[in-house]
N, C-alpha and C. Protein backbone atom coordinates (compact mmCIF):
# COMPACT_ATOMS: atom_id res chain seq x y z
N MET A 1 100.41 -19.85 -6.57
CA MET A 1 99.47 -20.75 -7.19
C MET A 1 98.06 -20.17 -7.04
N LYS A 2 97.30 -20.24 -8.11
CA LYS A 2 95.95 -19.70 -8.12
C LYS A 2 95.01 -20.56 -7.27
N PRO A 3 93.99 -19.93 -6.68
CA PRO A 3 93.04 -20.69 -5.85
C PRO A 3 92.38 -21.85 -6.60
N ASN A 4 92.05 -21.69 -7.88
CA ASN A 4 91.44 -22.78 -8.65
C ASN A 4 92.38 -23.98 -8.78
N ASN A 5 93.67 -23.70 -8.96
CA ASN A 5 94.65 -24.79 -9.05
C ASN A 5 94.74 -25.55 -7.73
N ILE A 6 94.69 -24.81 -6.63
CA ILE A 6 94.75 -25.44 -5.31
C ILE A 6 93.52 -26.33 -5.11
N ILE A 7 92.35 -25.81 -5.47
CA ILE A 7 91.11 -26.57 -5.32
C ILE A 7 91.15 -27.82 -6.19
N ASN A 8 91.62 -27.67 -7.44
CA ASN A 8 91.71 -28.84 -8.33
C ASN A 8 92.66 -29.90 -7.78
N ARG A 9 93.77 -29.46 -7.22
CA ARG A 9 94.72 -30.43 -6.65
C ARG A 9 94.15 -31.11 -5.41
N LEU A 10 93.41 -30.34 -4.61
CA LEU A 10 92.76 -30.93 -3.44
C LEU A 10 91.72 -31.97 -3.86
N LYS A 11 91.00 -31.69 -4.94
CA LYS A 11 90.01 -32.64 -5.45
C LYS A 11 90.70 -33.93 -5.89
N ILE A 12 91.81 -33.80 -6.57
CA ILE A 12 92.56 -34.98 -7.03
C ILE A 12 93.07 -35.78 -5.83
N LEU A 13 93.57 -35.07 -4.82
CA LEU A 13 94.04 -35.76 -3.61
C LEU A 13 92.89 -36.49 -2.91
N PHE A 14 91.75 -35.82 -2.79
CA PHE A 14 90.59 -36.48 -2.17
C PHE A 14 90.21 -37.71 -2.99
N ASN A 15 90.19 -37.56 -4.29
CA ASN A 15 89.82 -38.66 -5.17
C ASN A 15 90.75 -39.85 -4.95
N TYR A 16 92.04 -39.59 -4.91
CA TYR A 16 93.02 -40.66 -4.73
C TYR A 16 92.91 -41.30 -3.35
N PHE A 17 92.96 -40.47 -2.31
CA PHE A 17 92.94 -41.01 -0.95
C PHE A 17 91.57 -41.58 -0.59
N GLY A 18 90.51 -40.98 -1.13
CA GLY A 18 89.17 -41.52 -0.91
C GLY A 18 89.06 -42.94 -1.44
N PHE A 19 89.56 -43.16 -2.65
CA PHE A 19 89.53 -44.52 -3.20
C PHE A 19 90.41 -45.45 -2.39
N THR A 20 91.55 -44.98 -1.94
CA THR A 20 92.45 -45.81 -1.14
C THR A 20 91.74 -46.29 0.14
N ILE A 21 91.03 -45.38 0.78
CA ILE A 21 90.28 -45.74 1.98
C ILE A 21 89.20 -46.77 1.63
N VAL A 22 88.49 -46.52 0.51
CA VAL A 22 87.47 -47.46 0.06
C VAL A 22 88.09 -48.83 -0.18
N TRP A 23 89.26 -48.88 -0.84
CA TRP A 23 89.92 -50.15 -1.12
C TRP A 23 90.16 -50.92 0.17
N PHE A 24 90.72 -50.26 1.17
CA PHE A 24 91.01 -50.95 2.44
C PHE A 24 89.72 -51.38 3.15
N CYS A 25 88.71 -50.52 3.15
CA CYS A 25 87.43 -50.89 3.77
C CYS A 25 86.84 -52.12 3.08
N CYS A 26 86.91 -52.13 1.76
CA CYS A 26 86.38 -53.27 1.00
C CYS A 26 87.16 -54.54 1.32
N ALA A 27 88.46 -54.46 1.33
CA ALA A 27 89.28 -55.63 1.61
C ALA A 27 89.03 -56.16 3.02
N PHE A 28 88.91 -55.25 3.98
CA PHE A 28 88.66 -55.70 5.35
C PHE A 28 87.23 -56.19 5.52
N SER A 29 86.30 -55.69 4.71
CA SER A 29 84.93 -56.21 4.77
C SER A 29 84.90 -57.66 4.31
N ALA A 30 85.77 -57.99 3.36
CA ALA A 30 85.84 -59.37 2.88
C ALA A 30 86.33 -60.28 4.00
N LYS A 31 87.37 -59.84 4.65
CA LYS A 31 87.95 -60.65 5.72
C LYS A 31 86.93 -60.86 6.84
N SER A 32 86.19 -59.82 7.19
CA SER A 32 85.22 -59.93 8.28
C SER A 32 83.87 -60.47 7.80
N GLU A 33 83.73 -60.61 6.47
CA GLU A 33 82.49 -61.06 5.84
C GLU A 33 81.29 -60.19 6.24
N ASN A 34 81.55 -58.88 6.33
CA ASN A 34 80.52 -57.89 6.61
C ASN A 34 80.47 -56.93 5.44
N PHE A 35 79.56 -57.18 4.49
CA PHE A 35 79.52 -56.39 3.26
C PHE A 35 79.20 -54.93 3.50
N LEU A 36 78.61 -54.59 4.63
CA LEU A 36 78.31 -53.18 4.92
C LEU A 36 79.59 -52.35 5.07
N LEU A 37 80.67 -53.00 5.49
CA LEU A 37 81.96 -52.30 5.59
C LEU A 37 82.49 -51.90 4.22
N ALA A 38 81.95 -52.48 3.18
CA ALA A 38 82.30 -52.08 1.81
C ALA A 38 81.28 -51.10 1.26
N ILE A 39 80.01 -51.41 1.44
CA ILE A 39 78.95 -50.60 0.84
C ILE A 39 78.87 -49.19 1.43
N ILE A 40 78.93 -49.07 2.74
CA ILE A 40 78.77 -47.75 3.37
C ILE A 40 79.89 -46.79 2.98
N PRO A 41 81.16 -47.15 3.15
CA PRO A 41 82.22 -46.20 2.75
C PRO A 41 82.21 -45.89 1.24
N THR A 42 81.90 -46.91 0.43
CA THR A 42 81.85 -46.68 -1.01
C THR A 42 80.73 -45.71 -1.35
N THR A 43 79.59 -45.88 -0.74
CA THR A 43 78.45 -44.99 -1.00
C THR A 43 78.77 -43.56 -0.55
N ILE A 44 79.32 -43.41 0.64
CA ILE A 44 79.68 -42.08 1.14
C ILE A 44 80.69 -41.43 0.20
N TYR A 45 81.71 -42.19 -0.17
CA TYR A 45 82.74 -41.67 -1.08
C TYR A 45 82.13 -41.27 -2.42
N LEU A 46 81.29 -42.13 -2.97
CA LEU A 46 80.71 -41.86 -4.28
C LEU A 46 79.79 -40.64 -4.25
N VAL A 47 78.97 -40.52 -3.23
CA VAL A 47 78.08 -39.36 -3.12
C VAL A 47 78.91 -38.08 -3.02
N PHE A 48 79.93 -38.09 -2.16
CA PHE A 48 80.80 -36.92 -2.02
C PHE A 48 81.50 -36.63 -3.34
N HIS A 49 82.01 -37.67 -3.97
CA HIS A 49 82.71 -37.52 -5.25
C HIS A 49 81.80 -36.88 -6.30
N LEU A 50 80.60 -37.40 -6.45
CA LEU A 50 79.69 -36.88 -7.47
C LEU A 50 79.22 -35.47 -7.14
N GLN A 51 79.09 -35.17 -5.86
CA GLN A 51 78.61 -33.86 -5.45
C GLN A 51 79.69 -32.78 -5.58
N PHE A 52 80.91 -33.08 -5.18
CA PHE A 52 81.93 -32.04 -5.06
C PHE A 52 83.10 -32.14 -6.04
N ILE A 53 83.31 -33.29 -6.63
CA ILE A 53 84.48 -33.45 -7.50
C ILE A 53 84.09 -33.57 -8.97
N SER A 54 83.10 -34.35 -9.26
CA SER A 54 82.72 -34.62 -10.64
C SER A 54 82.13 -33.39 -11.32
N LYS A 55 82.59 -33.15 -12.54
CA LYS A 55 82.03 -32.06 -13.35
C LYS A 55 80.98 -32.59 -14.31
N LYS A 56 81.08 -33.86 -14.64
CA LYS A 56 80.16 -34.50 -15.58
C LYS A 56 79.57 -35.74 -14.92
N LYS A 57 78.59 -35.52 -14.08
CA LYS A 57 78.03 -36.60 -13.27
C LYS A 57 77.49 -37.76 -14.10
N MET A 58 76.71 -37.45 -15.14
CA MET A 58 76.11 -38.53 -15.95
C MET A 58 77.18 -39.33 -16.70
N VAL A 59 78.21 -38.65 -17.16
CA VAL A 59 79.31 -39.34 -17.84
C VAL A 59 79.98 -40.30 -16.86
N GLU A 60 80.25 -39.81 -15.67
CA GLU A 60 80.91 -40.66 -14.68
C GLU A 60 80.01 -41.81 -14.22
N LEU A 61 78.73 -41.56 -14.09
CA LEU A 61 77.82 -42.64 -13.70
C LEU A 61 77.77 -43.74 -14.76
N LYS A 62 77.79 -43.35 -16.02
CA LYS A 62 77.82 -44.35 -17.10
C LYS A 62 79.12 -45.14 -17.04
N LEU A 63 80.22 -44.46 -16.80
CA LEU A 63 81.51 -45.13 -16.69
C LEU A 63 81.52 -46.08 -15.48
N ILE A 64 80.97 -45.64 -14.38
CA ILE A 64 80.90 -46.47 -13.18
C ILE A 64 80.05 -47.71 -13.45
N PHE A 65 78.96 -47.54 -14.18
CA PHE A 65 78.11 -48.68 -14.51
C PHE A 65 78.88 -49.70 -15.37
N LEU A 66 79.60 -49.21 -16.38
CA LEU A 66 80.40 -50.12 -17.20
C LEU A 66 81.45 -50.81 -16.35
N SER A 67 82.06 -50.07 -15.46
CA SER A 67 83.07 -50.64 -14.57
C SER A 67 82.47 -51.75 -13.71
N LEU A 68 81.27 -51.54 -13.24
CA LEU A 68 80.58 -52.55 -12.46
C LEU A 68 80.36 -53.82 -13.28
N LEU A 69 79.94 -53.66 -14.53
CA LEU A 69 79.76 -54.81 -15.42
C LEU A 69 81.09 -55.53 -15.67
N LEU A 70 82.14 -54.74 -15.92
CA LEU A 70 83.46 -55.35 -16.13
C LEU A 70 83.91 -56.09 -14.87
N GLY A 71 83.62 -55.51 -13.72
CA GLY A 71 83.98 -56.15 -12.45
C GLY A 71 83.30 -57.49 -12.30
N ILE A 72 82.03 -57.54 -12.67
CA ILE A 72 81.31 -58.81 -12.59
C ILE A 72 81.95 -59.83 -13.54
N ILE A 73 82.25 -59.40 -14.75
CA ILE A 73 82.83 -60.31 -15.75
C ILE A 73 84.23 -60.76 -15.34
N VAL A 74 85.10 -59.80 -15.04
CA VAL A 74 86.51 -60.11 -14.76
C VAL A 74 86.65 -60.94 -13.50
N ASP A 75 86.09 -60.47 -12.40
CA ASP A 75 86.32 -61.18 -11.14
C ASP A 75 85.53 -62.47 -11.02
N SER A 76 84.37 -62.53 -11.67
CA SER A 76 83.64 -63.81 -11.69
C SER A 76 84.42 -64.83 -12.53
N THR A 77 85.00 -64.37 -13.64
CA THR A 77 85.82 -65.26 -14.48
C THR A 77 87.04 -65.77 -13.72
N LEU A 78 87.71 -64.87 -13.02
CA LEU A 78 88.89 -65.28 -12.24
C LEU A 78 88.50 -66.30 -11.17
N SER A 79 87.35 -66.12 -10.57
CA SER A 79 86.88 -67.07 -9.56
C SER A 79 86.46 -68.39 -10.21
N TRP A 80 85.73 -68.30 -11.29
CA TRP A 80 85.23 -69.50 -11.97
C TRP A 80 86.37 -70.44 -12.36
N PHE A 81 87.47 -69.85 -12.84
CA PHE A 81 88.61 -70.66 -13.27
C PHE A 81 89.58 -70.98 -12.14
N GLY A 82 89.24 -70.59 -10.93
CA GLY A 82 90.06 -70.93 -9.78
C GLY A 82 91.34 -70.13 -9.66
N ILE A 83 91.43 -69.03 -10.37
CA ILE A 83 92.63 -68.19 -10.30
C ILE A 83 92.63 -67.39 -9.00
N VAL A 84 91.44 -66.99 -8.58
CA VAL A 84 91.27 -66.23 -7.34
C VAL A 84 90.10 -66.82 -6.57
N GLN A 85 90.25 -66.89 -5.26
CA GLN A 85 89.15 -67.26 -4.38
C GLN A 85 88.92 -66.09 -3.43
N TYR A 86 87.68 -65.63 -3.36
CA TYR A 86 87.35 -64.45 -2.58
C TYR A 86 86.77 -64.81 -1.22
N ALA A 87 87.23 -64.11 -0.20
CA ALA A 87 86.56 -64.17 1.10
C ALA A 87 85.28 -63.33 0.94
N GLY A 88 84.28 -63.66 1.69
CA GLY A 88 83.05 -62.87 1.63
C GLY A 88 82.26 -63.07 0.35
N SER A 89 82.42 -64.24 -0.28
CA SER A 89 81.69 -64.53 -1.51
C SER A 89 80.23 -64.80 -1.20
N TRP A 90 79.43 -64.78 -2.26
CA TRP A 90 78.02 -65.11 -2.13
C TRP A 90 77.90 -66.56 -1.67
N GLU A 91 76.98 -66.81 -0.79
CA GLU A 91 76.80 -68.16 -0.28
C GLU A 91 76.27 -69.11 -1.34
N ASN A 92 75.27 -68.68 -2.10
CA ASN A 92 74.61 -69.55 -3.06
C ASN A 92 75.21 -69.49 -4.46
N ILE A 93 75.90 -68.42 -4.77
CA ILE A 93 76.50 -68.25 -6.10
C ILE A 93 77.99 -68.00 -5.90
N ARG A 94 78.70 -69.03 -5.61
CA ARG A 94 80.09 -68.95 -5.15
C ARG A 94 81.03 -68.18 -6.08
N HIS A 95 80.86 -68.28 -7.38
CA HIS A 95 81.83 -67.68 -8.30
C HIS A 95 81.44 -66.27 -8.76
N LEU A 96 80.31 -65.77 -8.33
CA LEU A 96 79.92 -64.40 -8.69
C LEU A 96 80.75 -63.41 -7.88
N SER A 97 81.22 -62.38 -8.54
CA SER A 97 82.03 -61.35 -7.85
C SER A 97 81.32 -60.89 -6.59
N PRO A 98 82.02 -60.89 -5.46
CA PRO A 98 81.39 -60.43 -4.23
C PRO A 98 81.16 -58.91 -4.23
N ILE A 99 80.25 -58.48 -3.40
CA ILE A 99 79.90 -57.06 -3.30
C ILE A 99 81.14 -56.20 -3.06
N TRP A 100 82.01 -56.62 -2.18
CA TRP A 100 83.14 -55.78 -1.81
C TRP A 100 84.08 -55.54 -3.00
N ILE A 101 84.24 -56.53 -3.87
CA ILE A 101 85.12 -56.33 -5.02
C ILE A 101 84.44 -55.42 -6.04
N LEU A 102 83.12 -55.50 -6.15
CA LEU A 102 82.39 -54.61 -7.05
C LEU A 102 82.46 -53.17 -6.55
N CYS A 103 82.45 -52.99 -5.25
CA CYS A 103 82.63 -51.64 -4.69
C CYS A 103 84.00 -51.08 -5.07
N MET A 104 85.00 -51.95 -5.11
CA MET A 104 86.33 -51.50 -5.53
C MET A 104 86.30 -51.03 -6.99
N TRP A 105 85.61 -51.76 -7.84
CA TRP A 105 85.50 -51.37 -9.25
C TRP A 105 84.82 -50.01 -9.37
N VAL A 106 83.78 -49.80 -8.59
CA VAL A 106 83.07 -48.51 -8.61
C VAL A 106 84.02 -47.39 -8.20
N GLY A 107 84.74 -47.60 -7.11
CA GLY A 107 85.69 -46.59 -6.64
C GLY A 107 86.80 -46.34 -7.65
N PHE A 108 87.30 -47.40 -8.26
CA PHE A 108 88.35 -47.25 -9.25
C PHE A 108 87.89 -46.40 -10.43
N ALA A 109 86.68 -46.67 -10.92
CA ALA A 109 86.16 -45.92 -12.07
C ALA A 109 86.04 -44.43 -11.76
N SER A 110 85.79 -44.10 -10.51
CA SER A 110 85.66 -42.68 -10.14
C SER A 110 86.99 -41.94 -10.26
N GLN A 111 88.07 -42.64 -10.40
CA GLN A 111 89.38 -42.01 -10.51
C GLN A 111 89.78 -41.65 -11.95
N ILE A 112 89.15 -42.24 -12.91
CA ILE A 112 89.61 -42.13 -14.30
C ILE A 112 89.66 -40.69 -14.80
N PHE A 113 88.69 -39.88 -14.46
CA PHE A 113 88.69 -38.49 -14.91
C PHE A 113 89.42 -37.55 -13.95
N HIS A 114 89.99 -38.10 -12.89
CA HIS A 114 90.57 -37.26 -11.85
C HIS A 114 92.01 -37.67 -11.54
N SER A 115 92.22 -38.50 -10.52
CA SER A 115 93.59 -38.84 -10.13
C SER A 115 94.29 -39.74 -11.14
N LEU A 116 93.55 -40.36 -12.06
CA LEU A 116 94.16 -41.17 -13.11
C LEU A 116 94.10 -40.50 -14.48
N LYS A 117 93.76 -39.23 -14.52
CA LYS A 117 93.61 -38.56 -15.82
C LYS A 117 94.94 -38.48 -16.58
N PHE A 118 96.05 -38.60 -15.89
CA PHE A 118 97.35 -38.59 -16.58
C PHE A 118 97.50 -39.78 -17.52
N LEU A 119 96.66 -40.80 -17.35
CA LEU A 119 96.72 -41.99 -18.21
C LEU A 119 95.89 -41.86 -19.48
N ARG A 120 95.02 -40.87 -19.54
CA ARG A 120 94.12 -40.74 -20.68
C ARG A 120 94.90 -40.71 -22.00
N GLY A 121 94.48 -41.57 -22.92
CA GLY A 121 95.11 -41.64 -24.23
C GLY A 121 96.41 -42.42 -24.26
N ARG A 122 96.89 -42.89 -23.14
CA ARG A 122 98.15 -43.63 -23.07
C ARG A 122 97.85 -45.12 -22.86
N PHE A 123 97.34 -45.73 -23.90
CA PHE A 123 96.80 -47.07 -23.77
C PHE A 123 97.86 -48.14 -23.51
N LEU A 124 99.07 -47.94 -23.97
CA LEU A 124 100.13 -48.90 -23.63
C LEU A 124 100.44 -48.85 -22.14
N LEU A 125 100.48 -47.64 -21.59
CA LEU A 125 100.73 -47.48 -20.16
C LEU A 125 99.56 -48.04 -19.34
N ILE A 126 98.35 -47.81 -19.82
CA ILE A 126 97.16 -48.35 -19.15
C ILE A 126 97.23 -49.88 -19.15
N GLY A 127 97.58 -50.46 -20.29
CA GLY A 127 97.74 -51.91 -20.38
C GLY A 127 98.82 -52.41 -19.43
N PHE A 128 99.90 -51.65 -19.32
CA PHE A 128 100.98 -52.03 -18.40
C PHE A 128 100.47 -52.06 -16.96
N TYR A 129 99.68 -51.05 -16.58
CA TYR A 129 99.09 -51.05 -15.23
C TYR A 129 98.20 -52.28 -15.03
N GLY A 130 97.48 -52.66 -16.06
CA GLY A 130 96.65 -53.86 -15.98
C GLY A 130 97.48 -55.10 -15.75
N ILE A 131 98.63 -55.15 -16.38
CA ILE A 131 99.53 -56.29 -16.21
C ILE A 131 99.98 -56.41 -14.75
N LEU A 132 100.05 -55.26 -14.06
CA LEU A 132 100.47 -55.25 -12.66
C LEU A 132 99.34 -55.58 -11.68
N ALA A 133 98.12 -55.77 -12.18
CA ALA A 133 96.96 -56.01 -11.32
C ALA A 133 97.14 -57.15 -10.31
N PRO A 134 97.85 -58.22 -10.66
CA PRO A 134 98.01 -59.28 -9.65
C PRO A 134 98.64 -58.77 -8.35
N LEU A 135 99.39 -57.68 -8.42
CA LEU A 135 99.99 -57.13 -7.19
C LEU A 135 98.90 -56.67 -6.21
N ALA A 136 97.82 -56.09 -6.73
CA ALA A 136 96.71 -55.68 -5.86
C ALA A 136 96.07 -56.90 -5.21
N TYR A 137 95.93 -57.97 -5.97
CA TYR A 137 95.35 -59.19 -5.42
C TYR A 137 96.28 -59.80 -4.36
N ILE A 138 97.56 -59.72 -4.60
CA ILE A 138 98.52 -60.23 -3.62
C ILE A 138 98.44 -59.40 -2.35
N GLY A 139 98.25 -58.07 -2.50
CA GLY A 139 98.03 -57.21 -1.33
C GLY A 139 96.78 -57.64 -0.57
N GLY A 140 95.72 -57.94 -1.31
CA GLY A 140 94.49 -58.43 -0.70
C GLY A 140 94.68 -59.78 -0.03
N GLU A 141 95.58 -60.57 -0.59
CA GLU A 141 95.87 -61.88 -0.01
C GLU A 141 96.55 -61.73 1.36
N LYS A 142 97.38 -60.73 1.48
CA LYS A 142 98.10 -60.51 2.73
C LYS A 142 97.15 -60.16 3.88
N ILE A 143 95.99 -59.58 3.55
CA ILE A 143 95.01 -59.28 4.60
C ILE A 143 93.85 -60.28 4.58
N GLN A 144 94.06 -61.38 3.92
CA GLN A 144 93.13 -62.52 3.88
C GLN A 144 91.79 -62.21 3.22
N ALA A 145 91.80 -61.31 2.24
CA ALA A 145 90.58 -61.01 1.49
C ALA A 145 90.44 -61.94 0.28
N VAL A 146 91.56 -62.41 -0.23
CA VAL A 146 91.56 -63.30 -1.39
C VAL A 146 92.67 -64.33 -1.25
N GLN A 147 92.55 -65.37 -2.06
CA GLN A 147 93.64 -66.32 -2.26
C GLN A 147 93.90 -66.33 -3.75
N VAL A 148 95.16 -66.17 -4.12
CA VAL A 148 95.54 -66.07 -5.53
C VAL A 148 96.37 -67.29 -5.91
N SER A 149 96.08 -67.83 -7.08
CA SER A 149 96.85 -68.95 -7.60
C SER A 149 98.30 -68.52 -7.80
N SER A 150 99.20 -69.41 -7.56
CA SER A 150 100.62 -69.09 -7.76
C SER A 150 101.13 -69.57 -9.12
N SER A 151 100.24 -70.12 -9.92
CA SER A 151 100.61 -70.61 -11.24
C SER A 151 100.97 -69.44 -12.16
N SER A 152 102.09 -69.53 -12.82
CA SER A 152 102.54 -68.48 -13.74
C SER A 152 101.54 -68.26 -14.87
N VAL A 153 101.00 -69.35 -15.38
CA VAL A 153 100.04 -69.25 -16.48
C VAL A 153 98.80 -68.49 -16.01
N GLU A 154 98.31 -68.81 -14.82
CA GLU A 154 97.12 -68.14 -14.31
C GLU A 154 97.38 -66.67 -14.00
N ILE A 155 98.57 -66.35 -13.54
CA ILE A 155 98.93 -64.94 -13.30
C ILE A 155 98.97 -64.19 -14.63
N VAL A 156 99.47 -64.82 -15.67
CA VAL A 156 99.49 -64.20 -17.00
C VAL A 156 98.05 -63.99 -17.50
N ILE A 157 97.18 -64.96 -17.28
CA ILE A 157 95.78 -64.82 -17.66
C ILE A 157 95.15 -63.64 -16.92
N MET A 158 95.39 -63.55 -15.61
CA MET A 158 94.86 -62.45 -14.81
C MET A 158 95.37 -61.10 -15.34
N SER A 159 96.65 -61.02 -15.60
CA SER A 159 97.25 -59.78 -16.10
C SER A 159 96.66 -59.39 -17.44
N THR A 160 96.50 -60.36 -18.32
CA THR A 160 95.95 -60.09 -19.65
C THR A 160 94.50 -59.63 -19.56
N LEU A 161 93.74 -60.30 -18.73
CA LEU A 161 92.33 -59.93 -18.54
C LEU A 161 92.22 -58.51 -17.98
N TRP A 162 93.05 -58.20 -17.01
CA TRP A 162 93.03 -56.86 -16.43
C TRP A 162 93.52 -55.80 -17.41
N ALA A 163 94.58 -56.07 -18.13
CA ALA A 163 95.09 -55.09 -19.09
C ALA A 163 94.02 -54.77 -20.13
N THR A 164 93.37 -55.81 -20.62
CA THR A 164 92.29 -55.62 -21.61
C THR A 164 91.14 -54.83 -21.00
N SER A 165 90.75 -55.18 -19.79
CA SER A 165 89.63 -54.49 -19.13
C SER A 165 89.93 -53.02 -18.90
N LEU A 166 91.14 -52.72 -18.46
CA LEU A 166 91.48 -51.31 -18.22
C LEU A 166 91.51 -50.51 -19.51
N VAL A 167 92.03 -51.09 -20.57
CA VAL A 167 92.02 -50.39 -21.85
C VAL A 167 90.58 -50.14 -22.30
N ILE A 168 89.72 -51.12 -22.16
CA ILE A 168 88.30 -50.95 -22.51
C ILE A 168 87.68 -49.85 -21.67
N LEU A 169 87.94 -49.86 -20.38
CA LEU A 169 87.37 -48.87 -19.48
C LEU A 169 87.83 -47.46 -19.83
N PHE A 170 89.12 -47.29 -20.09
CA PHE A 170 89.64 -45.97 -20.45
C PHE A 170 89.17 -45.54 -21.84
N ARG A 171 89.06 -46.46 -22.76
CA ARG A 171 88.53 -46.12 -24.09
C ARG A 171 87.07 -45.67 -23.98
N PHE A 172 86.30 -46.37 -23.19
CA PHE A 172 84.91 -45.99 -22.98
C PHE A 172 84.82 -44.62 -22.32
N ALA A 173 85.71 -44.34 -21.38
CA ALA A 173 85.75 -43.02 -20.73
C ALA A 173 86.03 -41.93 -21.76
N GLU A 174 86.98 -42.21 -22.64
CA GLU A 174 87.32 -41.26 -23.70
C GLU A 174 86.12 -41.03 -24.62
N PHE A 175 85.45 -42.12 -25.00
CA PHE A 175 84.26 -42.02 -25.84
C PHE A 175 83.18 -41.18 -25.17
N LEU A 176 82.89 -41.47 -23.92
CA LEU A 176 81.87 -40.72 -23.19
C LEU A 176 82.24 -39.24 -23.05
N ASN A 177 83.48 -38.99 -22.76
CA ASN A 177 83.95 -37.63 -22.56
C ASN A 177 83.84 -36.83 -23.87
N ASN A 178 84.25 -37.43 -24.98
CA ASN A 178 84.16 -36.75 -26.27
C ASN A 178 82.72 -36.51 -26.70
N ARG A 179 81.87 -37.46 -26.38
CA ARG A 179 80.47 -37.36 -26.74
C ARG A 179 79.75 -36.27 -25.95
N SER A 180 80.20 -36.02 -24.73
CA SER A 180 79.53 -35.03 -23.88
C SER A 180 80.08 -33.61 -24.09
N SER A 181 81.15 -33.49 -24.83
CA SER A 181 81.77 -32.16 -25.02
C SER A 181 81.02 -31.30 -26.00
């Protein structure tokens, strides 16, 4: 195997495991209600990611910004309708997406051009992954970061919202990538 291939695979592994660590830090920050446990690891990961992994920093920053907006919309909507209740929520604005969940969105977006690049252009598969999103929330529920409604209708709403959001996010990534080429 060529050295460049090894380096590229190591970058993908860092990208994947880096986000996994960020996910757990964020979830545990919710449980402990210490938002710094989400912000610090996410910031370290993102700086390292942009410095050593990203080839198109501005493209990825734009994608991360859109992801942040989607995170505010999706998770605030889920909270507003009582589908999800977040630990570590804002005291004065109860239904606004908490910092820790927004950090997860930022970390997730950093994967699109790297460890999730196998999904590019496969919008049915991306939608399918979105349908599985309630599983991540259930994982968060097990560590007391969230409470998820058990209503079938609400789970379908969550899945649909996530599938749509992921397709939008990947389409936007494709648009940005094509525009920068």
